[in-house]
Amino acid sequence: MTEFQSFESFMRSYQNMVYSKAYRLLANHAEAQDIAQDVFLKAYDRYDDIGGSPRVGGWLKTVTRNLCLNHLTRHRRRWRLFSDFKREGDDESDYEASLEDEQASIAGTDDSNDQRLLLEEAMEALPSDQRIAIA
C-alpha cells in the first residue's frame, strides 16, 4: 500500500469524527468542512509521526477543537455586530409567543430524529462560547 493510499484510508476512518466535532462547535456546515480540511492538511504534514499512533483520534480532536476556537475568535467581532442589531417591532410578547410555540412543538414530538433536530437548532442559537462548553 502506498503512502497516499494509506493516508486516504486514515482520512476515511476519521473524517466523520473530525467533521462532527467541528460542526458541533461551529454550527455551520461549510465552516465545519473547511476546518476538517485544515485538520487533515495538518495530519498529512505529520502523518509519518501520527499515522500508526493509538492516540491519533485524540490528536485529531484536539487539533479540530483548537482550529474551531481560533476560527471563532477571529470571527467573533462579526457575530457581535450582527447580534447587536435589534429588529424593529420586537417585543416581549412576540418572544413569549415563540417560546410557547417551541414548547408545544417539543411536547408533541416523540421521534428521536425530531428531538435531535430541535437540539441542533437550539445549539445553533447559542452564543459560540456557550455552544463550545456544551459540545
Protein backbone atom coordinates (compact mmCIF):
# COMPACT_ATOMS: atom_id res chain seq x y z
CA MET A 1 0.00 0.00 0.00
CA THR A 2 1.44 3.37 -0.99
CA GLU A 3 1.68 6.31 1.39
CA PHE A 4 -1.15 8.07 -0.47
CA GLN A 5 -3.45 5.05 -0.15
CA SER A 6 -2.52 4.68 3.49
CA PHE A 7 -3.38 8.32 4.21
CA GLU A 8 -6.61 8.06 2.24
CA SER A 9 -7.65 5.09 4.36
CA PHE A 10 -6.65 7.01 7.51
CA MET A 11 -8.68 10.03 6.42
CA ARG A 12 -11.76 7.97 5.61
CA SER A 13 -11.56 6.38 9.06
CA TYR A 14 -11.57 9.69 10.90
CA GLN A 15 -13.40 12.12 8.61
CA ASN A 16 -16.81 11.73 10.27
CA MET A 17 -15.38 12.23 13.75
CA VAL A 18 -13.46 15.37 12.74
CA TYR A 19 -16.37 16.87 10.81
CA SER A 20 -18.94 16.18 13.55
CA LYS A 21 -16.69 17.72 16.20
CA ALA A 22 -16.19 20.83 14.06
CA TYR A 23 -19.90 21.08 13.28
CA ARG A 24 -20.87 20.82 16.95
CA LEU A 25 -18.53 23.69 17.78
CA LEU A 26 -19.26 25.92 14.78
CA ALA A 27 -22.89 25.04 13.94
CA ASN A 28 -22.18 25.73 10.28
CA HIS A 29 -21.72 23.03 7.65
CA ALA A 30 -19.44 25.00 5.32
CA GLU A 31 -17.18 26.22 8.12
CA ALA A 32 -17.01 22.72 9.61
CA GLN A 33 -15.96 21.33 6.23
CA ASP A 34 -13.24 23.98 5.94
CA ILE A 35 -11.94 23.20 9.42
CA ALA A 36 -11.99 19.44 8.72
CA GLN A 37 -9.97 20.06 5.56
CA ASP A 38 -7.42 22.10 7.53
CA VAL A 39 -7.19 19.34 10.16
CA PHE A 40 -6.38 16.73 7.53
CA LEU A 41 -3.82 19.02 5.90
CA LYS A 42 -2.07 19.23 9.27
CA ALA A 43 -2.42 15.47 9.70
CA TYR A 44 -0.88 14.89 6.27
CA ASP A 45 2.12 17.04 7.21
CA ARG A 46 2.66 14.93 10.36
CA TYR A 47 1.40 11.61 9.03
CA ASP A 48 4.76 9.88 9.50
CA ASP A 49 4.63 10.71 13.23
CA ILE A 50 0.94 10.12 13.94
CA GLY A 51 -0.18 7.58 11.32
CA GLY A 52 0.23 4.45 13.43
CA SER A 53 -0.22 6.01 16.84
CA PRO A 54 -3.04 4.74 19.05
CA ARG A 55 -3.56 8.34 20.20
CA VAL A 56 -4.27 9.74 16.76
CA GLY A 57 -8.00 10.17 17.49
CA GLY A 58 -7.28 12.38 20.47
CA TRP A 59 -4.75 14.36 18.47
CA LEU A 60 -7.28 14.94 15.69
CA LYS A 61 -9.95 16.04 18.19
CA THR A 62 -7.53 18.46 19.84
CA VAL A 63 -6.44 19.98 16.53
CA THR A 64 -10.08 20.26 15.46
CA ARG A 65 -11.07 21.99 18.69
CA ASN A 66 -8.15 24.40 18.53
CA LEU A 67 -8.82 25.33 14.89
CA CYS A 68 -12.50 25.88 15.69
CA LEU A 69 -11.67 28.09 18.65
CA ASN A 70 -9.23 30.10 16.53
CA HIS A 71 -11.88 30.46 13.84
CA LEU A 72 -14.50 31.62 16.35
CA THR A 73 -12.09 34.09 17.93
CA ARG A 74 -11.24 35.64 14.56
CA HIS A 75 -14.88 36.00 13.59
CA ARG A 76 -16.30 36.95 16.98
CA ARG A 77 -16.41 40.67 16.16
CA ARG A 78 -18.56 39.97 13.12
CA TRP A 79 -21.04 37.94 15.20
CA ARG A 80 -21.21 40.60 17.88
CA LEU A 81 -22.01 43.24 15.29
CA PHE A 82 -24.93 41.26 13.88
CA SER A 83 -26.23 40.11 17.26
CA ASP A 84 -26.39 43.72 18.49
CA PHE A 85 -28.90 44.64 15.80
CA LYS A 86 -32.45 44.57 17.03
CA ARG A 87 -35.26 44.20 14.60
CA GLU A 88 -37.96 46.80 14.71
CA GLY A 89 -41.21 45.56 16.18
CA ASP A 90 -39.55 43.04 18.50
CA ASP A 91 -41.18 42.98 21.88
CA GLU A 92 -41.56 40.57 24.75
CA SER A 93 -44.99 39.31 23.68
CA ASP A 94 -43.52 38.05 20.37
CA TYR A 95 -40.76 36.34 22.31
CA GLU A 96 -43.21 34.70 24.72
CA ALA A 97 -45.38 33.52 21.82
CA SER A 98 -42.37 31.95 20.12
CA LEU A 99 -41.44 30.17 23.37
CA GLU A 100 -44.97 28.77 23.68
CA ASP A 101 -44.82 27.55 20.06
CA GLU A 102 -41.48 25.85 20.72
CA GLN A 103 -42.75 24.20 23.90
CA ALA A 104 -45.82 22.94 22.09
CA SER A 105 -43.72 21.52 19.28
CA ILE A 106 -41.32 19.86 21.73
CA ALA A 107 -44.17 18.29 23.72
CA GLY A 108 -45.73 16.87 20.57
CA THR A 109 -42.64 15.12 19.18
CA ASP A 110 -41.72 11.60 20.21
CA ASP A 111 -39.41 10.78 17.34
CA SER A 112 -35.74 10.92 18.26
CA ASN A 113 -34.88 12.49 14.90
CA ASP A 114 -37.22 15.40 15.59
CA GLN A 115 -35.71 15.84 19.03
CA ARG A 116 -32.24 15.78 17.55
CA LEU A 117 -33.17 18.47 15.02
CA LEU A 118 -34.63 20.62 17.80
CA LEU A 119 -31.49 20.15 19.85
CA GLU A 120 -29.28 21.11 16.89
CA GLU A 121 -31.39 24.23 16.27
CA ALA A 122 -31.12 25.18 19.94
CA MET A 123 -27.35 24.66 19.83
CA GLU A 124 -27.09 26.89 16.77
CA ALA A 125 -29.00 29.64 18.57
CA LEU A 126 -26.49 29.70 21.45
CA PRO A 127 -23.56 32.10 21.52
CA SER A 128 -20.34 30.42 20.43
CA ASP A 129 -18.77 30.30 23.91
CA GLN A 130 -21.82 28.53 25.37
CA ARG A 131 -22.02 26.18 22.37
CA ILE A 132 -18.39 25.17 22.90
CA ALA A 133 -18.99 24.40 26.58
CA ILE A 134 -22.00 22.20 25.80
CA ALA A 135 -20.45 20.41 22.83
